[in-house]
Amino acid sequence: MSNLIEEQIDRLSYNVLLKELAKRNLSTRGNINILKTRLTCSCKGYEEQVYKFVAVIDFEATCTAEPPNPYIQEIIEFPIVLIDVAKQEIVDTFHSYCKPILQPILSDYCKQLTGITQEQVNNALVFTDVFINVEKWLNDRNLISDSEQKCLFITDGPADFNKYLRMQCKISHIIYPNWAYQWFNVKKAFSDFYFVMPGRIQNMLENLHLPFHGNLHSGLDDAINIGRIVIQLIQDGCVLVSNECYALSRVTSGRNTSLSTAQYDPAKMICLNCSKSHFKDQRSCMEDAVKRIQRSESHHSQIHSNQFMTSKKIPSLLDLPYLLCTNSQTFRHQSSSSRLS
């Protein structure tokens, strides 16, 4: 019966889809694939959501137009946008800038891209202190309780947790938080649910026929816009569950065994760059990289930098392959259709 419904809806024209959605008091915004998905889920009935809350995180990090080799990026903006799934609205936000340690002076490229000023990071707390405030904020709202999984964390792709957070934890000597071992990749879910090509935040909004609010590459504005996309997914019947996980660096067995992660425990630390422990030799990939930067800076202070100019783009240290990310669940019914826009 469900396949028959899909086949019938798949043959409907754009104008007919608009009329059918309007009859049901459903949104008529979006391209034809989105309208078909919206109508299909409405006809089949919606499944119950798993989580009471979802929290969108979208970091901004230090960057430069031509990164040296290696180049270590530090988180400089930490926003969280909290969504009440039942109310389908943003109900709270956390926002803080972070003072970078390895690269304390922002590049002109970084300031122009993110809109973050040097004064803002100069006056900010270092990441360790910001992270303590983050976990207090989450715990005060009972979002990372041992007893119940109330909150799902959402990112725009794997990089926020699997790249920036893992590296920042190593820089700041913080144990990688248990609550960030799995997350909902909205970019992947959006493509799978609506049968559209994967795209950036502005591409997803364009597919939904929604404008971008605020400034692109502002961490808080990006998180709010991702939140708007997530709310539309909820309204259209997408069941939000984790679809990626950070599998290789889990220190403890079991889920959410320790939520107080803003602490330094060298015996349990695993190098988040190579998934190995360096506790015995007291060395790590990151420490070696920092030493190479210091040697490079000392060397270049004595020799004119123009002798070392190259047209070839040198990859950042963080362009190394990510640790394993795995799919955990699918988001909606399997369809024989393979619509792509």
Protein backbone atom coordinates (compact mmCIF):
# COMPACT_ATOMS: atom_id res chain seq x y z
CA MET A 1 0.00 0.00 0.00
CA SER A 2 2.83 2.39 0.91
CA ASN A 3 4.59 1.76 -2.39
CA LEU A 4 1.34 2.47 -4.22
CA ILE A 5 1.01 5.82 -2.42
CA GLU A 6 4.56 6.72 -3.39
CA GLU A 7 4.00 5.77 -7.02
CA GLN A 8 0.83 7.83 -7.21
CA ILE A 9 2.42 10.90 -5.59
CA ASP A 10 5.52 10.57 -7.75
CA ARG A 11 3.38 11.10 -10.86
CA LEU A 12 1.76 14.31 -9.58
CA SER A 13 2.68 17.63 -11.19
CA TYR A 14 4.08 20.55 -9.20
CA ASN A 15 0.78 22.45 -9.25
CA VAL A 16 -1.23 19.43 -8.12
CA LEU A 17 1.24 18.85 -5.30
CA LEU A 18 0.72 22.43 -4.15
CA LYS A 19 -3.05 21.96 -4.09
CA GLU A 20 -2.84 18.65 -2.19
CA LEU A 21 -0.48 20.12 0.40
CA ALA A 22 -2.67 23.20 0.82
CA LYS A 23 -5.71 20.97 1.45
CA ARG A 24 -3.81 19.41 4.36
CA ASN A 25 -2.60 22.77 5.72
CA LEU A 26 1.00 21.75 5.00
CA SER A 27 3.79 24.01 3.82
CA THR A 28 3.93 24.57 0.05
CA ARG A 29 7.53 25.78 0.13
CA GLY A 30 10.22 23.70 -1.53
CA ASN A 31 11.24 22.10 -4.78
CA ILE A 32 9.23 19.25 -6.28
CA ASN A 33 11.18 16.47 -4.55
CA ILE A 34 10.60 18.08 -1.17
CA LEU A 35 6.90 18.54 -1.89
CA LYS A 36 6.58 14.86 -2.89
CA THR A 37 8.32 13.71 0.28
CA ARG A 38 6.17 16.01 2.42
CA LEU A 39 2.94 14.73 0.92
CA THR A 40 4.05 11.09 1.05
CA CYS A 41 4.90 11.26 4.77
CA SER A 42 1.62 13.03 5.48
CA CYS A 43 -0.38 10.31 3.73
CA LYS A 44 1.48 7.50 5.47
CA GLY A 45 1.38 9.06 8.92
CA TYR A 46 4.22 10.37 11.05
CA GLU A 47 6.42 8.26 13.30
CA GLU A 48 7.08 9.33 16.88
CA GLN A 49 10.28 11.29 17.47
CA VAL A 50 12.96 9.73 19.68
CA TYR A 51 14.40 12.84 21.35
CA LYS A 52 12.75 15.64 23.32
CA PHE A 53 15.44 18.13 22.34
CA VAL A 54 18.03 18.56 19.62
CA ALA A 55 21.03 20.88 19.89
CA VAL A 56 22.70 22.38 16.82
CA ILE A 57 26.44 23.11 17.04
CA ASP A 58 28.39 24.91 14.33
CA PHE A 59 31.97 25.86 15.20
CA GLU A 60 34.07 28.56 13.62
CA ALA A 61 37.83 28.05 13.68
CA THR A 62 41.03 29.92 12.90
CA CYS A 63 41.89 29.86 9.22
CA THR A 64 44.08 31.54 6.64
CA ALA A 65 43.93 31.96 2.87
CA GLU A 66 47.22 30.09 2.35
CA PRO A 67 47.79 27.72 5.30
CA PRO A 68 51.38 26.70 6.10
CA ASN A 69 52.34 23.08 6.60
CA PRO A 70 51.17 21.98 9.10
CA TYR A 71 48.35 24.33 10.06
CA ILE A 72 46.42 23.62 13.25
CA GLN A 73 42.98 25.18 13.49
CA GLU A 74 41.52 26.22 16.85
CA ILE A 75 37.86 26.76 17.67
CA ILE A 76 37.12 30.47 18.09
CA GLU A 77 33.30 30.42 18.25
CA PHE A 78 31.13 27.92 20.13
CA PRO A 79 27.37 28.32 19.51
CA ILE A 80 24.56 25.95 20.56
CA VAL A 81 20.97 26.33 19.38
CA LEU A 82 18.47 24.25 21.36
CA ILE A 83 15.26 23.07 19.69
CA ASP A 84 12.21 21.66 21.47
CA VAL A 85 11.13 18.83 19.17
CA ALA A 86 7.49 18.80 20.29
CA LYS A 87 7.13 22.58 20.02
CA GLN A 88 9.18 22.62 16.80
CA GLU A 89 10.90 25.85 17.74
CA ILE A 90 14.19 27.24 19.03
CA VAL A 91 13.88 27.61 22.80
CA ASP A 92 17.39 28.51 23.97
CA THR A 93 20.91 29.38 22.79
CA PHE A 94 24.45 29.31 24.13
CA HIS A 95 27.16 31.42 22.55
CA SER A 96 30.77 32.15 23.36
CA TYR A 97 33.92 33.19 21.52
CA CYS A 98 37.14 31.36 22.37
CA LYS A 99 40.64 32.78 22.68
CA PRO A 100 43.06 30.83 20.42
CA ILE A 101 46.40 29.83 21.94
CA LEU A 102 48.56 28.47 19.13
CA GLN A 103 47.55 31.18 16.65
CA PRO A 104 46.40 34.09 18.87
CA ILE A 105 46.36 36.64 16.03
CA LEU A 106 43.51 36.11 13.55
CA SER A 107 44.35 36.36 9.87
CA ASP A 108 42.64 39.04 7.80
CA TYR A 109 41.06 36.18 5.82
CA CYS A 110 39.60 34.67 9.02
CA LYS A 111 38.22 37.99 10.24
CA GLN A 112 36.62 38.72 6.88
CA LEU A 113 35.17 35.21 6.50
CA THR A 114 33.72 34.80 9.99
CA GLY A 115 33.10 38.41 10.98
CA ILE A 116 34.92 37.72 14.26
CA THR A 117 37.18 40.54 15.40
CA GLN A 118 40.55 40.36 17.12
CA GLU A 119 39.09 42.22 20.08
CA GLN A 120 36.34 39.61 20.50
CA VAL A 121 38.80 36.71 20.79
CA ASN A 122 41.23 38.74 22.90
CA ASN A 123 38.46 39.32 25.45
CA ALA A 124 37.18 35.72 25.28
CA LEU A 125 37.90 32.79 27.58
CA VAL A 126 40.25 30.05 26.45
CA PHE A 127 38.53 26.93 25.11
CA THR A 128 38.98 24.93 28.35
CA ASP A 129 36.96 27.51 30.30
CA VAL A 130 34.38 27.85 27.53
CA PHE A 131 33.98 24.07 27.51
CA ILE A 132 33.33 24.04 31.27
CA ASN A 133 30.59 26.62 30.68
CA VAL A 134 29.17 24.53 27.83
CA GLU A 135 28.86 21.42 29.98
CA LYS A 136 27.36 23.44 32.84
CA TRP A 137 24.82 24.87 30.39
CA LEU A 138 23.96 21.38 29.13
CA ASN A 139 23.77 19.89 32.62
CA ASP A 140 21.66 22.76 33.96
CA ARG A 141 19.08 21.86 31.29
CA ASN A 142 19.44 18.12 32.01
CA LEU A 143 20.38 17.48 28.38
CA ILE A 144 23.23 15.01 28.98
CA SER A 145 21.81 12.97 31.84
CA ASP A 146 23.02 9.39 32.38
CA SER A 147 19.51 8.07 32.90
CA GLU A 148 17.84 9.28 29.73
CA GLN A 149 18.87 10.37 26.27
CA LYS A 150 16.93 13.61 25.95
CA CYS A 151 19.10 15.45 23.47
CA LEU A 152 20.55 14.70 20.04
CA PHE A 153 23.42 16.85 18.80
CA ILE A 154 23.25 18.12 15.25
CA THR A 155 26.01 19.35 12.94
CA ASP A 156 26.32 20.35 9.30
CA GLY A 157 28.60 17.49 8.26
CA PRO A 158 31.16 15.43 10.21
CA ALA A 159 33.86 18.09 10.55
CA ASP A 160 32.52 19.94 13.62
CA PHE A 161 32.94 16.98 15.96
CA ASN A 162 35.19 14.61 14.05
CA LYS A 163 37.68 17.28 12.97
CA TYR A 164 37.53 20.53 14.96
CA LEU A 165 36.36 19.27 18.36
CA ARG A 166 38.67 16.25 18.41
CA MET A 167 41.67 18.46 17.56
CA GLN A 168 40.69 21.16 20.05
CA CYS A 169 40.36 18.59 22.82
CA LYS A 170 43.91 17.48 22.11
CA ILE A 171 45.21 21.06 22.08
CA SER A 172 43.40 21.90 25.33
CA HIS A 173 44.12 18.57 27.08
CA ILE A 174 40.43 17.78 27.44
CA ILE A 175 39.02 14.28 27.28
CA TYR A 176 36.78 14.02 24.23
CA PRO A 177 33.17 14.34 25.55
CA ASN A 178 30.99 11.26 25.58
CA TRP A 179 27.98 13.25 24.39
CA ALA A 180 29.78 14.03 21.13
CA TYR A 181 30.53 10.44 20.10
CA GLN A 182 27.46 10.34 17.88
CA TRP A 183 25.54 13.03 16.09
CA PHE A 184 23.01 13.84 13.40
CA ASN A 185 24.62 15.02 10.16
CA VAL A 186 21.88 17.29 8.79
CA LYS A 187 23.52 17.53 5.37
CA LYS A 188 23.43 13.76 4.91
CA ALA A 189 19.94 13.40 6.39
CA PHE A 190 18.51 16.19 4.24
CA SER A 191 19.80 14.51 1.08
CA ASP A 192 18.55 11.05 2.11
CA PHE A 193 15.14 12.20 3.30
CA TYR A 194 14.21 14.52 0.44
CA PHE A 195 16.03 12.69 -2.38
CA VAL A 196 18.13 15.73 -3.33
CA MET A 197 21.82 16.23 -3.93
CA PRO A 198 23.90 16.98 -0.81
CA GLY A 199 24.64 20.67 -0.35
CA ARG A 200 25.68 23.43 2.02
CA ILE A 201 23.40 25.32 4.40
CA GLN A 202 22.38 27.84 1.76
CA ASN A 203 21.70 25.02 -0.74
CA MET A 204 19.38 23.26 1.69
CA LEU A 205 17.54 26.52 2.38
CA GLU A 206 17.22 27.16 -1.36
CA ASN A 207 15.72 23.69 -1.83
CA LEU A 208 13.20 24.56 0.89
CA HIS A 209 12.58 27.97 -0.73
CA LEU A 210 13.69 29.68 2.50
CA PRO A 211 16.04 32.69 2.78
CA PHE A 212 19.25 32.66 4.80
CA HIS A 213 18.93 34.79 7.94
CA GLY A 214 21.99 36.65 9.22
CA ASN A 215 25.59 36.37 8.11
CA LEU A 216 27.04 33.25 6.49
CA HIS A 217 30.01 31.79 8.46
CA SER A 218 28.85 33.41 11.68
CA GLY A 219 28.72 30.35 13.93
CA LEU A 220 25.56 31.44 15.71
CA ASP A 221 23.77 32.53 12.53
CA ASP A 222 24.75 29.29 10.79
CA ALA A 223 23.46 27.27 13.76
CA ILE A 224 20.16 29.17 13.75
CA ASN A 225 19.70 28.53 10.02
CA ILE A 226 20.54 24.85 10.48
CA GLY A 227 17.92 24.88 13.23
CA ARG A 228 15.35 26.22 10.77
CA ILE A 229 16.21 23.35 8.39
CA VAL A 230 15.90 20.82 11.23
CA ILE A 231 12.50 22.17 12.25
CA GLN A 232 11.28 21.72 8.67
CA LEU A 233 12.61 18.15 8.67
CA ILE A 234 10.65 17.47 11.87
CA GLN A 235 7.48 19.00 10.44
CA ASP A 236 7.82 16.90 7.29
CA GLY A 237 8.13 13.64 9.24
CA CYS A 238 11.85 12.96 9.40
CA VAL A 239 12.68 11.01 12.56
CA LEU A 240 15.89 12.48 13.97
CA VAL A 241 18.41 9.86 15.09
CA SER A 242 22.20 9.79 15.02
CA ASN A 243 23.57 8.93 11.60
CA GLU A 244 27.29 9.31 12.24
CA CYS A 245 29.56 8.36 15.11
CA TYR A 246 33.11 8.89 16.24
CA ALA A 247 33.97 5.23 16.57
CA LEU A 248 37.70 4.70 16.95
CA SER A 249 38.62 6.96 19.86
CA ARG A 250 36.03 5.96 22.45
CA VAL A 251 37.86 5.68 25.75
CA THR A 252 35.17 4.02 27.85
CA SER A 253 32.81 1.18 27.07
CA GLY A 254 29.13 1.84 27.37
CA ARG A 255 27.18 4.98 26.66
CA ASN A 256 27.51 8.22 28.63
CA THR A 257 29.56 6.61 31.39
CA SER A 258 31.22 9.89 32.31
CA LEU A 259 29.85 13.29 31.49
CA SER A 260 32.36 15.39 33.39
CA THR A 261 34.83 15.66 30.53
CA ALA A 262 36.51 19.02 31.18
CA GLN A 263 39.48 17.37 32.87
CA TYR A 264 42.93 16.13 31.92
CA ASP A 265 43.58 12.42 32.40
CA PRO A 266 46.78 11.49 30.49
CA ALA A 267 46.46 7.80 31.28
CA LYS A 268 43.18 7.65 29.33
CA MET A 269 43.98 10.14 26.62
CA ILE A 270 44.01 8.75 23.10
CA CYS A 271 45.61 10.75 20.34
CA LEU A 272 42.65 11.98 18.31
CA ASN A 273 44.85 12.31 15.24
CA CYS A 274 46.06 8.72 15.00
CA SER A 275 43.83 6.83 17.51
CA LYS A 276 46.85 5.62 19.51
CA SER A 277 47.93 6.24 23.08
CA HIS A 278 51.15 8.18 23.60
CA PHE A 279 51.04 8.00 27.38
CA LYS A 280 54.26 5.96 27.78
CA ASP A 281 56.50 8.09 25.60
CA GLN A 282 54.72 11.37 26.51
CA ARG A 283 54.65 12.36 22.85
CA SER A 284 51.85 12.86 20.38
CA CYS A 285 51.22 13.73 16.76
CA MET A 286 50.01 17.16 17.85
CA GLU A 287 53.04 17.88 20.03
CA ASP A 288 55.32 16.91 17.16
CA ALA A 289 53.36 19.18 14.83
CA VAL A 290 53.67 22.13 17.23
CA LYS A 291 57.42 21.56 17.47
CA ARG A 292 57.66 21.54 13.68
CA ILE A 293 55.81 24.87 13.56
CA GLN A 294 58.21 26.37 16.11
CA ARG A 295 61.25 25.10 14.19
CA SER A 296 59.78 26.41 10.96
CA GLU A 297 59.11 29.85 12.42
CA SER A 298 62.66 30.04 13.82
CA HIS A 299 64.12 28.98 10.49
CA HIS A 300 62.06 31.43 8.46
CA SER A 301 62.99 34.32 10.74
CA GLN A 302 66.58 33.97 9.53
CA ILE A 303 66.00 33.43 5.82
CA HIS A 304 63.87 35.58 3.51
CA SER A 305 60.47 33.98 3.15
CA ASN A 306 60.27 34.68 -0.59
CA GLN A 307 62.79 31.90 -1.20
CA PHE A 308 60.21 29.42 0.04
CA MET A 309 57.17 30.65 -1.89
CA THR A 310 55.34 27.96 -3.83
CA SER A 311 52.26 27.95 -6.03
CA LYS A 312 51.23 24.50 -4.82
CA LYS A 313 48.61 24.55 -2.07
CA ILE A 314 49.90 22.81 1.05
CA PRO A 315 47.22 20.79 2.85
CA SER A 316 46.37 21.52 6.46
CA LEU A 317 47.13 18.96 9.13
CA LEU A 318 43.38 18.66 9.59
CA ASP A 319 42.98 17.61 5.96
CA LEU A 320 44.25 14.18 7.02
CA PRO A 321 41.62 11.42 6.69
CA TYR A 322 38.92 11.52 9.36
CA LEU A 323 38.51 8.73 11.84
CA LEU A 324 35.84 6.22 11.01
CA CYS A 325 32.32 7.59 10.66
CA THR A 326 29.57 5.02 10.36
CA ASN A 327 25.90 5.16 9.52
CA SER A 328 23.71 4.06 12.40
CA GLN A 329 20.15 4.22 11.09
CA THR A 330 18.13 5.30 8.13
CA PHE A 331 15.65 8.15 8.40
CA ARG A 332 12.57 7.12 6.53
CA HIS A 333 11.02 4.39 4.45
CA GLN A 334 13.06 2.82 1.66
CA SER A 335 11.75 3.90 -1.69
CA SER A 336 12.09 2.38 -5.11
CA SER A 337 12.27 5.91 -6.44
CA SER A 338 15.66 7.61 -6.78
CA ARG A 339 14.69 11.20 -7.36
CA LEU A 340 17.50 13.71 -7.59
CA SER A 341 17.24 17.40 -8.20
